[in-house]
Each structure stands twice: as structure tokens, then as C-alpha cells.
Amino acid sequence: MPRGGQKVAERLRQAVETLQIPHATCDRGHVTLSLGCATLASGLLRDGMQTPADLLQAADQALYRAKAAGRNRVMVAQD
């Protein structure tokens, strides 16, 4: 399921937001979570994603897109 990672990441984001942990320097006033997600079906390689390091890099790029888009969100690596 290609969007399984996105669903797990979104549940994590929502769980952290629900806790409403105070954060004095955050514009929302509480801790939020931004996540980047990348998935790859077992045994299937795609252009540009051939190693575990490639998968990690794709997730990292998605994380930075999430932060740039306003934080407190999940972004999935682009195909």
C-alpha cells in the first residue's frame, strides 16, 4: 500500500498535536510535528531510488517541503 506510510505519519502528527504540549517560541503555542514520508514496495526499484540511502534522502526532501509549506503537516516523497 503506497500511502500506508503517509497514514502512519499523519496519525503521529495528529497524536502530537492532541497532546497540546506548550512551546513558548512556536507561533501555535504548542509543539507540532512535520514529517516527510517515502515508501518503496519490497523488491521494486524506481528511478532515483535504488538504495536505503536514496529512500532516506527522498523522505528528508519531503520533510523540508513540509516545513516550507507551513509546518505541522505530512508530505510524501514525489514519485
PDB file of N, CA and C in Angstrom:
ATOM      1  N   MET A   1       0.848  -1.178   0.000  1.00  0.00           N
ATOM      2  CA  MET A   1       0.000   0.000   0.000  1.00  0.00           C
ATOM      3  C   MET A   1       0.896   1.244   0.000  1.00  0.00           C
ATOM      4  N   PRO A   2       0.981   1.960  -1.090  1.00  0.00           N
ATOM      5  CA  PRO A   2       1.896   3.086  -1.201  1.00  0.00           C
ATOM      6  C   PRO A   2       1.626   4.228  -0.228  1.00  0.00           C
ATOM      7  N   ARG A   3       0.412   4.419   0.180  1.00  0.00           N
ATOM      8  CA  ARG A   3       0.095   5.531   1.074  1.00  0.00           C
ATOM      9  C   ARG A   3       0.025   5.105   2.543  1.00  0.00           C
ATOM     10  N   GLY A   4       0.442   3.871   2.851  1.00  0.00           N
ATOM     11  CA  GLY A   4       0.445   3.395   4.230  1.00  0.00           C
ATOM     12  C   GLY A   4       1.343   4.232   5.119  1.00  0.00           C
ATOM     13  N   GLY A   5       2.523   4.577   4.617  1.00  0.00           N
ATOM     14  CA  GLY A   5       3.446   5.423   5.379  1.00  0.00           C
ATOM     15  C   GLY A   5       2.857   6.788   5.658  1.00  0.00           C
ATOM     16  N   GLN A   6       2.143   7.334   4.689  1.00  0.00           N
ATOM     17  CA  GLN A   6       1.500   8.635   4.866  1.00  0.00           C
ATOM     18  C   GLN A   6       0.449   8.554   5.964  1.00  0.00           C
ATOM     19  N   LYS A   7      -0.311   7.484   6.007  1.00  0.00           N
ATOM     20  CA  LYS A   7      -1.345   7.335   7.035  1.00  0.00           C
ATOM     21  C   LYS A   7      -0.728   7.244   8.426  1.00  0.00           C
ATOM     22  N   VAL A   8       0.351   6.487   8.552  1.00  0.00           N
ATOM     23  CA  VAL A   8       1.031   6.363   9.845  1.00  0.00           C
ATOM     24  C   VAL A   8       1.595   7.717  10.267  1.00  0.00           C
ATOM     25  N   ALA A   9       2.237   8.412   9.341  1.00  0.00           N
ATOM     26  CA  ALA A   9       2.809   9.724   9.647  1.00  0.00           C
ATOM     27  C   ALA A   9       1.725  10.711  10.071  1.00  0.00           C
ATOM     28  N   GLU A  10       0.598  10.691   9.415  1.00  0.00           N
ATOM     29  CA  GLU A  10      -0.497  11.604   9.768  1.00  0.00           C
ATOM     30  C   GLU A  10      -1.050  11.286  11.155  1.00  0.00           C
ATOM     31  N   ARG A  11      -1.154  10.011  11.491  1.00  0.00           N
ATOM     32  CA  ARG A  11      -1.609   9.650  12.841  1.00  0.00           C
ATOM     33  C   ARG A  11      -0.627  10.156  13.894  1.00  0.00           C
ATOM     34  N   LEU A  12       0.675  10.045  13.634  1.00  0.00           N
ATOM     35  CA  LEU A  12       1.678  10.571  14.553  1.00  0.00           C
ATOM     36  C   LEU A  12       1.544  12.077  14.711  1.00  0.00           C
ATOM     37  N   ARG A  13       1.381  12.775  13.581  1.00  0.00           N
ATOM     38  CA  ARG A  13       1.256  14.232  13.631  1.00  0.00           C
ATOM     39  C   ARG A  13       0.051  14.640  14.468  1.00  0.00           C
ATOM     40  N   GLN A  14      -1.074  13.976  14.244  1.00  0.00           N
ATOM     41  CA  GLN A  14      -2.282  14.297  14.983  1.00  0.00           C
ATOM     42  C   GLN A  14      -2.131  13.983  16.472  1.00  0.00           C
ATOM     43  N   ALA A  15      -1.466  12.879  16.791  1.00  0.00           N
ATOM     44  CA  ALA A  15      -1.273  12.498  18.190  1.00  0.00           C
ATOM     45  C   ALA A  15      -0.453  13.542  18.937  1.00  0.00           C
ATOM     46  N   VAL A  16       0.599  14.053  18.305  1.00  0.00           N
ATOM     47  CA  VAL A  16       1.422  15.088  18.940  1.00  0.00           C
ATOM     48  C   VAL A  16       0.607  16.368  19.115  1.00  0.00           C
ATOM     49  N   GLU A  17      -0.163  16.734  18.105  1.00  0.00           N
ATOM     50  CA  GLU A  17      -0.970  17.950  18.202  1.00  0.00           C
ATOM     51  C   GLU A  17      -2.010  17.832  19.316  1.00  0.00           C
ATOM     52  N   THR A  18      -2.594  16.663  19.472  1.00  0.00           N
ATOM     53  CA  THR A  18      -3.605  16.437  20.502  1.00  0.00           C
ATOM     54  C   THR A  18      -3.035  16.630  21.904  1.00  0.00           C
ATOM     55  N   LEU A  19      -1.758  16.349  22.081  1.00  0.00           N
ATOM     56  CA  LEU A  19      -1.136  16.500  23.400  1.00  0.00           C
ATOM     57  C   LEU A  19      -1.069  17.951  23.865  1.00  0.00           C
ATOM     58  N   GLN A  20      -1.055  18.903  22.901  1.00  0.00           N
ATOM     59  CA  GLN A  20      -1.014  20.330  23.228  1.00  0.00           C
ATOM     60  C   GLN A  20       0.122  20.662  24.204  1.00  0.00           C
ATOM     61  N   ILE A  21       1.316  20.142  23.921  1.00  0.00           N
ATOM     62  CA  ILE A  21       2.482  20.405  24.760  1.00  0.00           C
ATOM     63  C   ILE A  21       2.888  21.867  24.564  1.00  0.00           C
ATOM     64  N   PRO A  22       2.918  22.663  25.630  1.00  0.00           N
ATOM     65  CA  PRO A  22       3.265  24.086  25.494  1.00  0.00           C
ATOM     66  C   PRO A  22       4.656  24.286  24.889  1.00  0.00           C
ATOM     67  N   HIS A  23       4.748  25.292  24.021  1.00  0.00           N
ATOM     68  CA  HIS A  23       6.014  25.646  23.376  1.00  0.00           C
ATOM     69  C   HIS A  23       6.013  27.158  23.201  1.00  0.00           C
ATOM     70  N   ALA A  24       6.788  27.825  24.022  1.00  0.00           N
ATOM     71  CA  ALA A  24       6.747  29.288  24.084  1.00  0.00           C
ATOM     72  C   ALA A  24       7.168  29.980  22.794  1.00  0.00           C
ATOM     73  N   THR A  25       8.078  29.395  22.034  1.00  0.00           N
ATOM     74  CA  THR A  25       8.575  30.089  20.841  1.00  0.00           C
ATOM     75  C   THR A  25       7.873  29.666  19.558  1.00  0.00           C
ATOM     76  N   CYS A  26       6.895  28.796  19.652  1.00  0.00           N
ATOM     77  CA  CYS A  26       6.146  28.356  18.470  1.00  0.00           C
ATOM     78  C   CYS A  26       4.944  29.273  18.256  1.00  0.00           C
ATOM     79  N   ASP A  27       4.692  29.661  17.015  1.00  0.00           N
ATOM     80  CA  ASP A  27       3.577  30.572  16.736  1.00  0.00           C
ATOM     81  C   ASP A  27       2.226  29.968  17.106  1.00  0.00           C
ATOM     82  N   ARG A  28       2.123  28.653  17.158  1.00  0.00           N
ATOM     83  CA  ARG A  28       0.874  27.998  17.543  1.00  0.00           C
ATOM     84  C   ARG A  28       0.748  27.865  19.059  1.00  0.00           C
ATOM     85  N   GLY A  29       1.848  28.074  19.774  1.00  0.00           N
ATOM     86  CA  GLY A  29       1.819  27.990  21.224  1.00  0.00           C
ATOM     87  C   GLY A  29       2.024  26.590  21.777  1.00  0.00           C
ATOM     88  N   HIS A  30       2.066  25.604  20.897  1.00  0.00           N
ATOM     89  CA  HIS A  30       2.299  24.232  21.340  1.00  0.00           C
ATOM     90  C   HIS A  30       3.141  23.492  20.291  1.00  0.00           C
ATOM     91  N   VAL A  31       3.712  22.378  20.733  1.00  0.00           N
ATOM     92  CA  VAL A  31       4.569  21.567  19.864  1.00  0.00           C
ATOM     93  C   VAL A  31       3.760  21.009  18.698  1.00  0.00           C
ATOM     94  N   THR A  32       4.337  21.084  17.511  1.00  0.00           N
ATOM     95  CA  THR A  32       3.738  20.473  16.322  1.00  0.00           C
ATOM     96  C   THR A  32       4.783  19.569  15.682  1.00  0.00           C
ATOM     97  N   LEU A  33       4.361  18.834  14.697  1.00  0.00           N
ATOM     98  CA  LEU A  33       5.245  17.866  14.059  1.00  0.00           C
ATOM     99  C   LEU A  33       5.106  17.949  12.549  1.00  0.00           C
ATOM    100  N   SER A  34       6.241  18.067  11.885  1.00  0.00           N
ATOM    101  CA  SER A  34       6.283  17.983  10.423  1.00  0.00           C
ATOM    102  C   SER A  34       7.010  16.698  10.067  1.00  0.00           C
ATOM    103  N   LEU A  35       6.482  15.990   9.079  1.00  0.00           N
ATOM    104  CA  LEU A  35       7.079  14.716   8.698  1.00  0.00           C
ATOM    105  C   LEU A  35       7.210  14.611   7.190  1.00  0.00           C
ATOM    106  N   GLY A  36       8.288  13.974   6.770  1.00  0.00           N
ATOM    107  CA  GLY A  36       8.472  13.607   5.381  1.00  0.00           C
ATOM    108  C   GLY A  36       8.397  12.097   5.279  1.00  0.00           C
ATOM    109  N   CYS A  37       7.725  11.616   4.281  1.00  0.00           N
ATOM    110  CA  CYS A  37       7.474  10.182   4.155  1.00  0.00           C
ATOM    111  C   CYS A  37       7.858   9.705   2.757  1.00  0.00           C
ATOM    112  N   ALA A  38       8.525   8.557   2.723  1.00  0.00           N
ATOM    113  CA  ALA A  38       8.844   7.917   1.444  1.00  0.00           C
ATOM    114  C   ALA A  38       8.655   6.419   1.627  1.00  0.00           C
ATOM    115  N   THR A  39       8.030   5.795   0.663  1.00  0.00           N
ATOM    116  CA  THR A  39       7.831   4.345   0.727  1.00  0.00           C
ATOM    117  C   THR A  39       8.288   3.715  -0.578  1.00  0.00           C
ATOM    118  N   LEU A  40       8.609   2.454  -0.475  1.00  0.00           N
ATOM    119  CA  LEU A  40       9.029   1.697  -1.647  1.00  0.00           C
ATOM    120  C   LEU A  40       8.612   0.250  -1.426  1.00  0.00           C
ATOM    121  N   ALA A  41       7.866  -0.297  -2.350  1.00  0.00           N
ATOM    122  CA  ALA A  41       7.414  -1.680  -2.228  1.00  0.00           C
ATOM    123  C   ALA A  41       8.616  -2.613  -2.265  1.00  0.00           C
ATOM    124  N   SER A  42       8.583  -3.626  -1.450  1.00  0.00           N
ATOM    125  CA  SER A  42       9.676  -4.594  -1.366  1.00  0.00           C
ATOM    126  C   SER A  42      10.015  -5.175  -2.740  1.00  0.00           C
ATOM    127  N   GLY A  43      11.293  -5.108  -3.076  1.00  0.00           N
ATOM    128  CA  GLY A  43      11.752  -5.703  -4.323  1.00  0.00           C
ATOM    129  C   GLY A  43      11.548  -4.841  -5.555  1.00  0.00           C
ATOM    130  N   LEU A  44      10.895  -3.690  -5.413  1.00  0.00           N
ATOM    131  CA  LEU A  44      10.649  -2.822  -6.563  1.00  0.00           C
ATOM    132  C   LEU A  44      11.562  -1.611  -6.493  1.00  0.00           C
ATOM    133  N   LEU A  45      12.291  -1.364  -7.538  1.00  0.00           N
ATOM    134  CA  LEU A  45      13.166  -0.202  -7.604  1.00  0.00           C
ATOM    135  C   LEU A  45      12.580   0.791  -8.585  1.00  0.00           C
ATOM    136  N   ARG A  46      12.724   2.052  -8.252  1.00  0.00           N
ATOM    137  CA  ARG A  46      12.257   3.118  -9.137  1.00  0.00           C
ATOM    138  C   ARG A  46      13.454   3.962  -9.531  1.00  0.00           C
ATOM    139  N   ASP A  47      13.304   4.711 -10.593  1.00  0.00           N
ATOM    140  CA  ASP A  47      14.372   5.615 -10.996  1.00  0.00           C
ATOM    141  C   ASP A  47      14.711   6.537  -9.835  1.00  0.00           C
ATOM    142  N   GLY A  48      15.984   6.627  -9.523  1.00  0.00           N
ATOM    143  CA  GLY A  48      16.437   7.521  -8.471  1.00  0.00           C
ATOM    144  C   GLY A  48      16.339   6.933  -7.078  1.00  0.00           C
ATOM    145  N   MET A  49      15.684   5.794  -6.904  1.00  0.00           N
ATOM    146  CA  MET A  49      15.582   5.180  -5.586  1.00  0.00           C
ATOM    147  C   MET A  49      16.027   3.730  -5.701  1.00  0.00           C
ATOM    148  N   GLN A  50      17.302   3.507  -5.431  1.00  0.00           N
ATOM    149  CA  GLN A  50      17.858   2.176  -5.603  1.00  0.00           C
ATOM    150  C   GLN A  50      18.422   1.598  -4.304  1.00  0.00           C
ATOM    151  N   THR A  51      18.646   2.452  -3.311  1.00  0.00           N
ATOM    152  CA  THR A  51      19.258   2.004  -2.058  1.00  0.00           C
ATOM    153  C   THR A  51      18.472   2.560  -0.872  1.00  0.00           C
ATOM    154  N   PRO A  52      18.696   2.024   0.311  1.00  0.00           N
ATOM    155  CA  PRO A  52      18.072   2.603   1.502  1.00  0.00           C
ATOM    156  C   PRO A  52      18.432   4.083   1.687  1.00  0.00           C
ATOM    157  N   ALA A  53      19.658   4.450   1.338  1.00  0.00           N
ATOM    158  CA  ALA A  53      20.072   5.852   1.447  1.00  0.00           C
ATOM    159  C   ALA A  53      19.240   6.745   0.526  1.00  0.00           C
ATOM    160  N   ASP A  54      18.898   6.248  -0.657  1.00  0.00           N
ATOM    161  CA  ASP A  54      18.059   7.007  -1.590  1.00  0.00           C
ATOM    162  C   ASP A  54      16.666   7.232  -0.995  1.00  0.00           C
ATOM    163  N   LEU A  55      16.141   6.198  -0.349  1.00  0.00           N
ATOM    164  CA  LEU A  55      14.816   6.295   0.272  1.00  0.00           C
ATOM    165  C   LEU A  55      14.844   7.312   1.406  1.00  0.00           C
ATOM    166  N   LEU A  56      15.885   7.273   2.221  1.00  0.00           N
ATOM    167  CA  LEU A  56      16.031   8.232   3.311  1.00  0.00           C
ATOM    168  C   LEU A  56      16.155   9.656   2.778  1.00  0.00           C
ATOM    169  N   GLN A  57      16.901   9.831   1.716  1.00  0.00           N
ATOM    170  CA  GLN A  57      17.054  11.156   1.117  1.00  0.00           C
ATOM    171  C   GLN A  57      15.707  11.676   0.592  1.00  0.00           C
ATOM    172  N   ALA A  58      14.917  10.806  -0.006  1.00  0.00           N
ATOM    173  CA  ALA A  58      13.598  11.214  -0.502  1.00  0.00           C
ATOM    174  C   ALA A  58      12.697  11.652   0.646  1.00  0.00           C
ATOM    175  N   ALA A  59      12.745  10.925   1.763  1.00  0.00           N
ATOM    176  CA  ALA A  59      11.948  11.295   2.929  1.00  0.00           C
ATOM    177  C   ALA A  59      12.422  12.624   3.502  1.00  0.00           C
ATOM    178  N   ASP A  60      13.731  12.842   3.530  1.00  0.00           N
ATOM    179  CA  ASP A  60      14.297  14.092   4.036  1.00  0.00           C
ATOM    180  C   ASP A  60      13.856  15.276   3.174  1.00  0.00           C
ATOM    181  N   GLN A  61      13.852  15.096   1.867  1.00  0.00           N
ATOM    182  CA  GLN A  61      13.396  16.165   0.975  1.00  0.00           C
ATOM    183  C   GLN A  61      11.911  16.467   1.203  1.00  0.00           C
ATOM    184  N   ALA A  62      11.121  15.430   1.435  1.00  0.00           N
ATOM    185  CA  ALA A  62       9.697  15.635   1.728  1.00  0.00           C
ATOM    186  C   ALA A  62       9.524  16.381   3.042  1.00  0.00           C
ATOM    187  N   LEU A  63      10.372  16.090   4.035  1.00  0.00           N
ATOM    188  CA  LEU A  63      10.308  16.813   5.314  1.00  0.00           C
ATOM    189  C   LEU A  63      10.553  18.305   5.102  1.00  0.00           C
ATOM    190  N   TYR A  64      11.562  18.652   4.334  1.00  0.00           N
ATOM    191  CA  TYR A  64      11.844  20.066   4.096  1.00  0.00           C
ATOM    192  C   TYR A  64      10.724  20.747   3.316  1.00  0.00           C
ATOM    193  N   ARG A  65      10.053  20.002   2.438  1.00  0.00           N
ATOM    194  CA  ARG A  65       8.887  20.571   1.755  1.00  0.00           C
ATOM    195  C   ARG A  65       7.762  20.823   2.755  1.00  0.00           C
ATOM    196  N   ALA A  66       7.595  19.923   3.719  1.00  0.00           N
ATOM    197  CA  ALA A  66       6.563  20.098   4.746  1.00  0.00           C
ATOM    198  C   ALA A  66       6.839  21.347   5.572  1.00  0.00           C
ATOM    199  N   LYS A  67       8.079  21.545   5.953  1.00  0.00           N
ATOM    200  CA  LYS A  67       8.439  22.736   6.729  1.00  0.00           C
ATOM    201  C   LYS A  67       8.226  24.006   5.908  1.00  0.00           C
ATOM    202  N   ALA A  68       8.620  23.973   4.651  1.00  0.00           N
ATOM    203  CA  ALA A  68       8.479  25.147   3.791  1.00  0.00           C
ATOM    204  C   ALA A  68       7.018  25.478   3.516  1.00  0.00           C
ATOM    205  N   ALA A  69       6.146  24.474   3.565  1.00  0.00           N
ATOM    206  CA  ALA A  69       4.725  24.688   3.276  1.00  0.00           C
ATOM    207  C   ALA A  69       3.953  25.174   4.499  1.00  0.00           C
ATOM    208  N   GLY A  70       4.628  25.357   5.619  1.00  0.00           N
ATOM    209  CA  GLY A  70       3.949  25.919   6.781  1.00  0.00           C
ATOM    210  C   GLY A  70       4.020  25.087   8.042  1.00  0.00           C
ATOM    211  N   ARG A  71       4.726  24.006   8.012  1.00  0.00           N
ATOM    212  CA  ARG A  71       4.927  23.133   9.169  1.00  0.00           C
ATOM    213  C   ARG A  71       3.633  22.451   9.614  1.00  0.00           C
ATOM    214  N   ASN A  72       3.778  21.572  10.611  1.00  0.00           N
ATOM    215  CA  ASN A  72       2.657  20.809  11.157  1.00  0.00           C
ATOM    216  C   ASN A  72       1.873  20.095  10.051  1.00  0.00           C
ATOM    217  N   ARG A  73       2.619  19.361   9.228  1.00  0.00           N
ATOM    218  CA  ARG A  73       1.980  18.632   8.126  1.00  0.00           C
ATOM    219  C   ARG A  73       2.850  17.463   7.685  1.00  0.00           C
ATOM    220  N   VAL A  74       2.262  16.615   6.893  1.00  0.00           N
ATOM    221  CA  VAL A  74       2.945  15.457   6.323  1.00  0.00           C
ATOM    222  C   VAL A  74       3.071  15.673   4.819  1.00  0.00           C
ATOM    223  N   MET A  75       4.252  15.449   4.310  1.00  0.00           N
ATOM    224  CA  MET A  75       4.464  15.484   2.864  1.00  0.00           C
ATOM    225  C   MET A  75       5.062  14.155   2.448  1.00  0.00           C
ATOM    226  N   VAL A  76       4.629  13.671   1.305  1.00  0.00           N
ATOM    227  CA  VAL A  76       5.099  12.399   0.765  1.00  0.00           C
ATOM    228  C   VAL A  76       6.104  12.672  -0.347  1.00  0.00           C
ATOM    229  N   ALA A  77       7.155  11.866  -0.390  1.00  0.00           N
ATOM    230  CA  ALA A  77       8.144  11.995  -1.453  1.00  0.00           C
ATOM    231  C   ALA A  77       7.464  11.891  -2.800  1.00  0.00           C
ATOM    232  N   GLN A  78       7.903  12.717  -3.712  1.00  0.00           N
ATOM    233  CA  GLN A  78       7.316  12.710  -5.052  1.00  0.00           C
ATOM    234  C   GLN A  78       7.790  11.487  -5.817  1.00  0.00           C
ATOM    235  N   ASP A  79       6.899  10.937  -6.622  1.00  0.00           N
ATOM    236  CA  ASP A  79       7.261   9.782  -7.443  1.00  0.00           C
ATOM    237  C   ASP A  79       8.217  10.209  -8.542  1.00  0.00           C
TER     238      ASP A  79
END
